[in-house]
C-alpha atoms as a PDB file:
ATOM      1  CA  MET A   1     105.616 116.991  33.067  1.00  0.00           C
ATOM      2  CA  ASN A   2     105.192 115.322  29.670  1.00  0.00           C
ATOM      3  CA  ARG A   3     102.623 112.557  29.154  1.00  0.00           C
ATOM      4  CA  ILE A   4     105.384 109.964  28.682  1.00  0.00           C
ATOM      5  CA  ALA A   5     107.081 110.956  31.949  1.00  0.00           C
ATOM      6  CA  ARG A   6     103.728 110.898  33.783  1.00  0.00           C
ATOM      7  CA  PHE A   7     102.991 107.395  32.484  1.00  0.00           C
ATOM      8  CA  ILE A   8     106.436 106.175  33.616  1.00  0.00           C
ATOM      9  CA  LEU A   9     106.058 107.896  37.000  1.00  0.00           C
ATOM     10  CA  PHE A  10     102.650 106.359  37.708  1.00  0.00           C
ATOM     11  CA  ASP A  11     103.900 102.960  36.531  1.00  0.00           C
ATOM     12  CA  ILE A  12     106.875 103.109  38.920  1.00  0.00           C
ATOM     13  CA  VAL A  13     104.858 104.447  41.865  1.00  0.00           C
ATOM     14  CA  LYS A  14     102.667 101.318  41.702  1.00  0.00           C
ATOM     15  CA  ASN A  15     105.733  99.080  41.731  1.00  0.00           C
ATOM     16  CA  ARG A  16     106.000  96.985  44.905  1.00  0.00           C
ATOM     17  CA  ILE A  17     109.773  97.455  45.064  1.00  0.00           C
ATOM     18  CA  ILE A  18     109.376 101.237  45.220  1.00  0.00           C
ATOM     19  CA  VAL A  19     106.668 100.920  47.890  1.00  0.00           C
ATOM     20  CA  PHE A  20     108.928  98.613  49.920  1.00  0.00           C
ATOM     21  CA  TYR A  21     111.858 101.031  49.431  1.00  0.00           C
ATOM     22  CA  THR A  22     109.785 103.964  50.699  1.00  0.00           C
ATOM     23  CA  VAL A  23     108.513 102.043  53.732  1.00  0.00           C
ATOM     24  CA  LEU A  24     112.015 100.752  54.530  1.00  0.00           C
ATOM     25  CA  LEU A  25     113.467 104.273  54.419  1.00  0.00           C
ATOM     26  CA  PHE A  26     110.645 105.534  56.630  1.00  0.00           C
ATOM     27  CA  ILE A  27     111.195 102.813  59.245  1.00  0.00           C
ATOM     28  CA  ILE A  28     114.968 103.303  59.292  1.00  0.00           C
ATOM     29  CA  SER A  29     114.690 107.107  59.423  1.00  0.00           C
ATOM     30  CA  TRP A  30     112.043 107.039  62.145  1.00  0.00           C
ATOM     31  CA  ALA A  31     114.089 104.567  64.224  1.00  0.00           C
ATOM     32  CA  VAL A  32     117.384 106.474  63.856  1.00  0.00           C
ATOM     33  CA  LEU A  33     115.950 109.971  64.379  1.00  0.00           C
ATOM     34  CA  GLY A  34     113.330 109.065  66.966  1.00  0.00           C
ATOM     35  CA  LEU A  35     115.640 107.127  69.274  1.00  0.00           C
ATOM     36  CA  GLU A  36     118.480 109.675  69.301  1.00  0.00           C
ATOM     37  CA  ASN A  37     118.174 112.720  71.576  1.00  0.00           C
ATOM     38  CA  ASN A  38     120.838 114.734  69.739  1.00  0.00           C
ATOM     39  CA  PRO A  39     119.335 115.806  66.345  1.00  0.00           C
ATOM     40  CA  ARG A  40     122.712 116.482  64.715  1.00  0.00           C
ATOM     41  CA  LYS A  41     124.108 113.120  65.760  1.00  0.00           C
ATOM     42  CA  ALA A  42     120.912 111.453  64.532  1.00  0.00           C
ATOM     43  CA  VAL A  43     121.248 113.103  61.112  1.00  0.00           C
ATOM     44  CA  SER A  44     124.891 112.018  60.870  1.00  0.00           C
ATOM     45  CA  ASN A  45     123.870 108.427  61.707  1.00  0.00           C
ATOM     46  CA  LEU A  46     121.076 108.499  59.121  1.00  0.00           C
ATOM     47  CA  LEU A  47     123.531 109.946  56.588  1.00  0.00           C
ATOM     48  CA  ASN A  48     125.571 106.732  56.676  1.00  0.00           C
ATOM     49  CA  VAL A  49     122.453 104.741  55.771  1.00  0.00           C
ATOM     50  CA  VAL A  50     121.426 107.147  52.990  1.00  0.00           C
ATOM     51  CA  LEU A  51     124.890 107.116  51.394  1.00  0.00           C
ATOM     52  CA  TYR A  52     124.703 103.357  50.803  1.00  0.00           C
ATOM     53  CA  VAL A  53     121.007 102.535  50.383  1.00  0.00           C
ATOM     54  CA  VAL A  54     119.883 105.400  48.111  1.00  0.00           C
ATOM     55  CA  PRO A  55     122.620 105.041  45.439  1.00  0.00           C
ATOM     56  CA  LEU A  56     122.284 101.245  45.399  1.00  0.00           C
ATOM     57  CA  MET A  57     118.519 101.302  45.012  1.00  0.00           C
ATOM     58  CA  SER A  58     118.578 104.107  42.431  1.00  0.00           C
ATOM     59  CA  ILE A  59     121.162 102.544  40.137  1.00  0.00           C
ATOM     60  CA  ILE A  60     119.935  98.922  40.305  1.00  0.00           C
ATOM     61  CA  PHE A  61     116.223  99.705  39.977  1.00  0.00           C
ATOM     62  CA  SER A  62     116.774 102.220  37.157  1.00  0.00           C
ATOM     63  CA  THR A  63     119.024  99.844  35.204  1.00  0.00           C
ATOM     64  CA  ILE A  64     116.518  96.979  35.416  1.00  0.00           C
ATOM     65  CA  TYR A  65     113.624  99.288  34.561  1.00  0.00           C
ATOM     66  CA  VAL A  66     115.353 100.586  31.405  1.00  0.00           C
ATOM     67  CA  TYR A  67     116.027  97.027  30.211  1.00  0.00           C
ATOM     68  CA  ASN A  68     112.464  95.923  31.001  1.00  0.00           C
ATOM     69  CA  SER A  69     111.105  98.953  29.128  1.00  0.00           C
ATOM     70  CA  SER A  70     112.923  98.121  25.891  1.00  0.00           C
ATOM     71  CA  GLN A  71     109.705  97.153  24.057  1.00  0.00           C
ATOM     72  CA  PHE A  72     107.960 100.296  25.323  1.00  0.00           C
ATOM     73  CA  ILE A  73     110.907 102.407  24.109  1.00  0.00           C
ATOM     74  CA  GLU A  74     110.819 100.694  20.702  1.00  0.00           C
ATOM     75  CA  LEU A  75     107.090 101.408  20.485  1.00  0.00           C
ATOM     76  CA  LEU A  76     107.714 105.088  21.191  1.00  0.00           C
ATOM     77  CA  LEU A  77     110.472 105.161  18.586  1.00  0.00           C
ATOM     78  CA  SER A  78     107.993 103.953  15.988  1.00  0.00           C
ATOM     79  CA  GLN A  79     105.929 107.070  16.678  1.00  0.00           C
ATOM     80  CA  PRO A  80     106.785 110.602  15.511  1.00  0.00           C
ATOM     81  CA  VAL A  81     108.488 111.395  18.834  1.00  0.00           C
ATOM     82  CA  PRO A  82     112.090 112.717  18.953  1.00  0.00           C
ATOM     83  CA  ARG A  83     114.618 110.408  20.574  1.00  0.00           C
ATOM     84  CA  ASN A  84     115.808 113.189  22.875  1.00  0.00           C
ATOM     85  CA  LYS A  85     112.296 113.575  24.240  1.00  0.00           C
ATOM     86  CA  ILE A  86     111.853 109.837  24.860  1.00  0.00           C
ATOM     87  CA  TRP A  87     115.146 109.437  26.728  1.00  0.00           C
ATOM     88  CA  PHE A  88     114.713 112.631  28.754  1.00  0.00           C
ATOM     89  CA  ASN A  89     111.187 111.680  29.826  1.00  0.00           C
ATOM     90  CA  LEU A  90     112.389 108.214  30.820  1.00  0.00           C
ATOM     91  CA  PHE A  91     115.022 109.840  33.034  1.00  0.00           C
ATOM     92  CA  LEU A  92     112.486 112.356  34.352  1.00  0.00           C
ATOM     93  CA  GLY A  93     109.970 109.647  35.296  1.00  0.00           C
ATOM     94  CA  LEU A  94     112.575 107.431  36.951  1.00  0.00           C
ATOM     95  CA  SER A  95     114.374 110.181  38.862  1.00  0.00           C
ATOM     96  CA  THR A  96     111.118 111.798  40.028  1.00  0.00           C
ATOM     97  CA  ALA A  97     109.747 108.498  41.342  1.00  0.00           C
ATOM     98  CA  LEU A  98     112.958 107.631  43.208  1.00  0.00           C
ATOM     99  CA  SER A  99     113.323 111.163  44.579  1.00  0.00           C
ATOM    100  CA  LEU A 100     109.721 111.156  45.811  1.00  0.00           C
ATOM    101  CA  ALA A 101     110.245 107.768  47.439  1.00  0.00           C
ATOM    102  CA  PHE A 102     113.278 109.157  49.267  1.00  0.00           C
ATOM    103  CA  LEU A 103     111.537 112.396  50.270  1.00  0.00           C
ATOM    104  CA  ILE A 104     108.506 110.532  51.627  1.00  0.00           C
ATOM    105  CA  GLY A 105     110.552 107.813  53.332  1.00  0.00           C
ATOM    106  CA  CYS A 106     113.186 110.072  54.891  1.00  0.00           C
ATOM    107  CA  GLY A 107     111.622 113.528  54.584  1.00  0.00           C
ATOM    108  CA  VAL A 108     108.692 113.009  56.950  1.00  0.00           C
ATOM    109  CA  PRO A 109     110.801 111.705  59.894  1.00  0.00           C
ATOM    110  CA  ILE A 110     113.413 114.410  59.196  1.00  0.00           C
ATOM    111  CA  LEU A 111     110.777 117.156  59.351  1.00  0.00           C
ATOM    112  CA  LEU A 112     109.421 115.699  62.591  1.00  0.00           C
ATOM    113  CA  TYR A 113     112.667 115.072  64.472  1.00  0.00           C
ATOM    114  CA  ALA A 114     115.657 116.839  62.854  1.00  0.00           C
ATOM    115  CA  SER A 115     116.674 120.480  62.858  1.00  0.00           C
ATOM    116  CA  PHE A 116     115.777 122.336  59.656  1.00  0.00           C
ATOM    117  CA  ASP A 117     119.301 123.139  58.413  1.00  0.00           C
ATOM    118  CA  ALA A 118     120.746 119.665  59.021  1.00  0.00           C
ATOM    119  CA  GLY A 119     117.623 117.856  57.785  1.00  0.00           C
ATOM    120  CA  PHE A 120     117.310 120.018  54.672  1.00  0.00           C
ATOM    121  CA  SER A 121     120.944 119.399  53.677  1.00  0.00           C
ATOM    122  CA  LEU A 122     120.398 115.632  54.081  1.00  0.00           C
ATOM    123  CA  MET A 123     117.279 115.745  51.889  1.00  0.00           C
ATOM    124  CA  ILE A 124     119.122 117.713  49.185  1.00  0.00           C
ATOM    125  CA  SER A 125     121.962 115.201  49.326  1.00  0.00           C
ATOM    126  CA  GLY A 126     119.571 112.236  49.047  1.00  0.00           C
ATOM    127  CA  VAL A 127     117.723 113.750  46.084  1.00  0.00           C
ATOM    128  CA  PHE A 128     120.986 114.436  44.265  1.00  0.00           C
ATOM    129  CA  LEU A 129     122.173 110.876  44.908  1.00  0.00           C
ATOM    130  CA  SER A 130     118.898 109.599  43.428  1.00  0.00           C
ATOM    131  CA  LEU A 131     119.367 111.776  40.348  1.00  0.00           C
ATOM    132  CA  ILE A 132     123.072 111.005  39.903  1.00  0.00           C
ATOM    133  CA  PHE A 133     122.778 107.241  40.148  1.00  0.00           C
ATOM    134  CA  THR A 134     119.666 107.166  37.967  1.00  0.00           C
ATOM    135  CA  SER A 135     121.711 109.033  35.368  1.00  0.00           C
ATOM    136  CA  CYS A 136     124.587 106.544  35.759  1.00  0.00           C
ATOM    137  CA  ALA A 137     122.110 103.649  35.480  1.00  0.00           C
ATOM    138  CA  MET A 138     120.809 104.919  32.145  1.00  0.00           C
ATOM    139  CA  LEU A 139     124.378 105.185  30.898  1.00  0.00           C
ATOM    140  CA  SER A 140     125.077 101.597  32.017  1.00  0.00           C
ATOM    141  CA  ALA A 141     121.923 100.313  30.343  1.00  0.00           C
ATOM    142  CA  ILE A 142     122.631 101.981  26.999  1.00  0.00           C
ATOM    143  CA  ILE A 143     126.294 100.880  26.941  1.00  0.00           C
ATOM    144  CA  SER A 144     125.433  97.180  26.796  1.00  0.00           C
ATOM    145  CA  ARG A 145     122.538  95.303  25.203  1.00  0.00           C
ATOM    146  CA  ASP A 146     123.110  92.417  27.606  1.00  0.00           C
ATOM    147  CA  LYS A 147     121.003  92.872  30.734  1.00  0.00           C
ATOM    148  CA  ALA A 148     123.320  90.910  33.024  1.00  0.00           C
ATOM    149  CA  LYS A 149     126.348  92.895  31.850  1.00  0.00           C
ATOM    150  CA  GLY A 150     124.504  96.208  32.271  1.00  0.00           C
ATOM    151  CA  ILE A 151     123.457  95.342  35.822  1.00  0.00           C
ATOM    152  CA  GLY A 152     127.041  94.233  36.522  1.00  0.00           C
ATOM    153  CA  ILE A 153     128.355  97.621  35.331  1.00  0.00           C
ATOM    154  CA  SER A 154     125.838  99.384  37.599  1.00  0.00           C
ATOM    155  CA  ILE A 155     126.837  97.308  40.627  1.00  0.00           C
ATOM    156  CA  PHE A 156     130.516  98.035  39.935  1.00  0.00           C
ATOM    157  CA  ILE A 157     129.794 101.799  39.719  1.00  0.00           C
ATOM    158  CA  TRP A 158     128.077 101.652  43.122  1.00  0.00           C
ATOM    159  CA  ILE A 159     130.873  99.574  44.701  1.00  0.00           C
ATOM    160  CA  PHE A 160     133.547 101.831  43.197  1.00  0.00           C
ATOM    161  CA  PHE A 161     132.104 105.110  44.495  1.00  0.00           C
ATOM    162  CA  SER A 162     130.884 103.713  47.845  1.00  0.00           C
ATOM    163  CA  ILE A 163     133.881 101.574  48.847  1.00  0.00           C
ATOM    164  CA  ILE A 164     136.814 101.379  46.419  1.00  0.00           C
ATOM    165  CA  TYR A 165     137.205 105.118  45.786  1.00  0.00           C
ATOM    166  CA  ASP A 166     137.759 105.962  49.463  1.00  0.00           C
ATOM    167  CA  ALA A 167     140.292 103.134  49.760  1.00  0.00           C
ATOM    168  CA  LEU A 168     142.223 104.448  46.740  1.00  0.00           C
ATOM    169  CA  LEU A 169     142.104 107.974  48.133  1.00  0.00           C
ATOM    170  CA  LEU A 170     143.427 106.727  51.472  1.00  0.00           C
ATOM    171  CA  LEU A 171     146.224 104.877  49.662  1.00  0.00           C
ATOM    172  CA  ILE A 172     147.248 108.069  47.817  1.00  0.00           C
ATOM    173  CA  ILE A 173     147.249 110.020  51.093  1.00  0.00           C
ATOM    174  CA  PHE A 174     149.552 107.478  52.800  1.00  0.00           C
ATOM    175  CA  GLN A 175     151.883 107.030  49.828  1.00  0.00           C
ATOM    176  CA  PHE A 176     152.379 110.758  49.181  1.00  0.00           C
ATOM    177  CA  SER A 177     151.986 112.119  52.699  1.00  0.00           C
ATOM    178  CA  ASP A 178     155.424 113.818  52.486  1.00  0.00           C
ATOM    179  CA  TYR A 179     154.310 115.965  49.551  1.00  0.00           C
ATOM    180  CA  PRO A 180     151.929 118.969  49.422  1.00  0.00           C
ATOM    181  CA  ILE A 181     148.945 117.128  47.951  1.00  0.00           C
ATOM    182  CA  GLU A 182     146.176 118.992  49.779  1.00  0.00           C
ATOM    183  CA  LYS A 183     144.713 120.578  46.644  1.00  0.00           C
ATOM    184  CA  LEU A 184     144.880 117.279  44.769  1.00  0.00           C
ATOM    185  CA  ILE A 185     143.049 115.508  47.610  1.00  0.00           C
ATOM    186  CA  ALA A 186     140.360 118.212  47.612  1.00  0.00           C
ATOM    187  CA  VAL A 187     139.859 117.750  43.856  1.00  0.00           C
ATOM    188  CA  LEU A 188     139.764 113.951  44.155  1.00  0.00           C
ATOM    189  CA  ALA A 189     137.288 114.171  47.055  1.00  0.00           C
ATOM    190  CA  ALA A 190     135.036 116.343  44.883  1.00  0.00           C
ATOM    191  CA  THR A 191     134.991 113.787  42.052  1.00  0.00           C
ATOM    192  CA  ASN A 192     133.219 111.139  44.130  1.00  0.00           C
ATOM    193  CA  PRO A 193     129.464 111.891  44.350  1.00  0.00           C
ATOM    194  CA  VAL A 194     128.993 109.694  47.439  1.00  0.00           C
ATOM    195  CA  GLY A 195     131.913 111.227  49.329  1.00  0.00           C
ATOM    196  CA  LEU A 196     130.902 114.689  48.178  1.00  0.00           C
ATOM    197  CA  SER A 197     127.374 114.159  49.527  1.00  0.00           C
ATOM    198  CA  ARG A 198     128.853 113.183  52.889  1.00  0.00           C
ATOM    199  CA  ILE A 199     131.023 116.296  52.947  1.00  0.00           C
ATOM    200  CA  PHE A 200     128.061 118.485  51.941  1.00  0.00           C
ATOM    201  CA  VAL A 201     125.933 117.335  54.889  1.00  0.00           C
ATOM    202  CA  LEU A 202     128.765 117.301  57.432  1.00  0.00           C
ATOM    203  CA  LEU A 203     129.776 120.844  56.462  1.00  0.00           C
ATOM    204  CA  GLN A 204     126.263 121.919  57.416  1.00  0.00           C
ATOM    205  CA  LEU A 205     126.418 119.915  60.649  1.00  0.00           C
ATOM    206  CA  ASN A 206     129.889 121.364  61.324  1.00  0.00           C
ATOM    207  CA  ILE A 207     131.128 118.063  62.781  1.00  0.00           C
ATOM    208  CA  SER A 208     134.859 118.335  62.037  1.00  0.00           C
ATOM    209  CA  ALA A 209     135.724 114.979  63.601  1.00  0.00           C
ATOM    210  CA  MET A 210     133.535 113.088  61.109  1.00  0.00           C
ATOM    211  CA  LEU A 211     134.746 114.873  57.981  1.00  0.00           C
ATOM    212  CA  GLY A 212     137.815 112.680  57.663  1.00  0.00           C
ATOM    213  CA  TYR A 213     141.130 113.782  56.170  1.00  0.00           C
ATOM    214  CA  SER A 214     139.791 114.513  52.664  1.00  0.00           C
ATOM    215  CA  GLY A 215     136.727 116.312  54.040  1.00  0.00           C
ATOM    216  CA  ALA A 216     138.868 118.390  56.384  1.00  0.00           C
ATOM    217  CA  ILE A 217     141.109 119.433  53.477  1.00  0.00           C
ATOM    218  CA  PHE A 218     138.033 120.231  51.379  1.00  0.00           C
ATOM    219  CA  LYS A 219     136.732 122.468  54.177  1.00  0.00           C
ATOM    220  CA  MET A 220     140.155 124.060  54.709  1.00  0.00           C
ATOM    221  CA  ILE A 221     140.543 124.990  51.021  1.00  0.00           C
ATOM    222  CA  PHE A 222     136.978 126.000  50.173  1.00  0.00           C
ATOM    223  CA  GLY A 223     135.484 126.846  53.585  1.00  0.00           C
ATOM    224  CA  SER A 224     132.022 125.818  54.790  1.00  0.00           C
ATOM    225  CA  GLY A 225     129.846 128.204  52.764  1.00  0.00           C
ATOM    226  CA  SER A 226     131.848 128.064  49.530  1.00  0.00           C
ATOM    227  CA  GLY A 227     132.391 124.337  49.984  1.00  0.00           C
ATOM    228  CA  MET A 228     128.646 123.664  50.110  1.00  0.00           C
ATOM    229  CA  PHE A 229     128.048 125.811  47.014  1.00  0.00           C
ATOM    230  CA  ILE A 230     130.834 124.047  45.100  1.00  0.00           C
ATOM    231  CA  SER A 231     129.445 120.682  46.235  1.00  0.00           C
ATOM    232  CA  LEU A 232     126.022 121.540  44.798  1.00  0.00           C
ATOM    233  CA  ILE A 233     127.540 122.585  41.458  1.00  0.00           C
ATOM    234  CA  ILE A 234     129.611 119.395  41.184  1.00  0.00           C
ATOM    235  CA  MET A 235     126.634 117.191  42.121  1.00  0.00           C
ATOM    236  CA  PHE A 236     124.601 118.956  39.436  1.00  0.00           C
ATOM    237  CA  LEU A 237     127.350 118.202  36.911  1.00  0.00           C
ATOM    238  CA  TRP A 238     127.375 114.569  38.078  1.00  0.00           C
ATOM    239  CA  THR A 239     123.659 114.451  37.284  1.00  0.00           C
ATOM    240  CA  VAL A 240     123.885 116.091  33.871  1.00  0.00           C
ATOM    241  CA  LEU A 241     127.067 114.648  32.344  1.00  0.00           C
ATOM    242  CA  PRO A 242     126.292 110.881  32.572  1.00  0.00           C
ATOM    243  CA  PHE A 243     122.796 111.604  31.235  1.00  0.00           C
ATOM    244  CA  LEU A 244     124.199 113.571  28.282  1.00  0.00           C
ATOM    245  CA  PHE A 245     126.613 110.723  27.490  1.00  0.00           C
ATOM    246  CA  SER A 246     123.751 108.220  27.648  1.00  0.00           C
ATOM    247  CA  LEU A 247     121.586 110.484  25.480  1.00  0.00           C
ATOM    248  CA  ASN A 248     124.340 110.706  22.880  1.00  0.00           C
ATOM    249  CA  SER A 249     124.671 106.901  22.857  1.00  0.00           C
ATOM    250  CA  PHE A 250     120.888 106.479  22.648  1.00  0.00           C
ATOM    251  CA  ASN A 251     120.671 108.806  19.649  1.00  0.00           C
ATOM    252  CA  LYS A 252     123.368 106.832  17.821  1.00  0.00           C
ATOM    253  CA  LYS A 253     122.215 103.357  18.845  1.00  0.00           C
ATOM    254  CA  ASP A 254     120.365 101.201  16.338  1.00  0.00           C
ATOM    255  CA  LEU A 255     117.503  99.712  18.346  1.00  0.00           C
END
């Protein structure tokens, strides 16, 4: 890890918000997993918490941190350091800190109480959500100079993928239920990182009743094994593409 990324990582690790986030995840994970006798049901219950808390924390904290680090970024730009390197190390420091917070907060209870396959899929999903929404946060922050507007964009992204997207998908299913739209629904389900993370974990748990209509279609078209592999590829693309767009904007932006 580069010196810049290490500095950012150590700075974030000492942040009280990150410490509180880690402790909160640990308490919630320990309570959900420790009080439920069925490990698979416990993981599915914890999944619902992870799908809302991890993206929200990742995108809001990362957006605020980028805005608060504007003077630090300007200082680095005055040095003979390539812009690509500065922006990548900022992403690396942020995403590593948030991923570690998730792995410590949820990983320890998962290793103690959950089965390996179900727990491992949940940890992969949580790490990807941390990476994806950190990437989206950096894109939000570079789009607007105004801090309030940037945070507003980040909140809207979280609300859209966590709540609005599923409602729109449900509306499409009801409106066009008489037509063969299974493949379209599978594609639309794959374009939502939050919904895709849910499908990824539930495919491993093999709980058909909790997949929902879009998840069931996704499983029917791609199958469990192929579906999980495709989910990983799409989540990787969700991590890379917003970061590349933000990097392109950062390189062109006059700071």
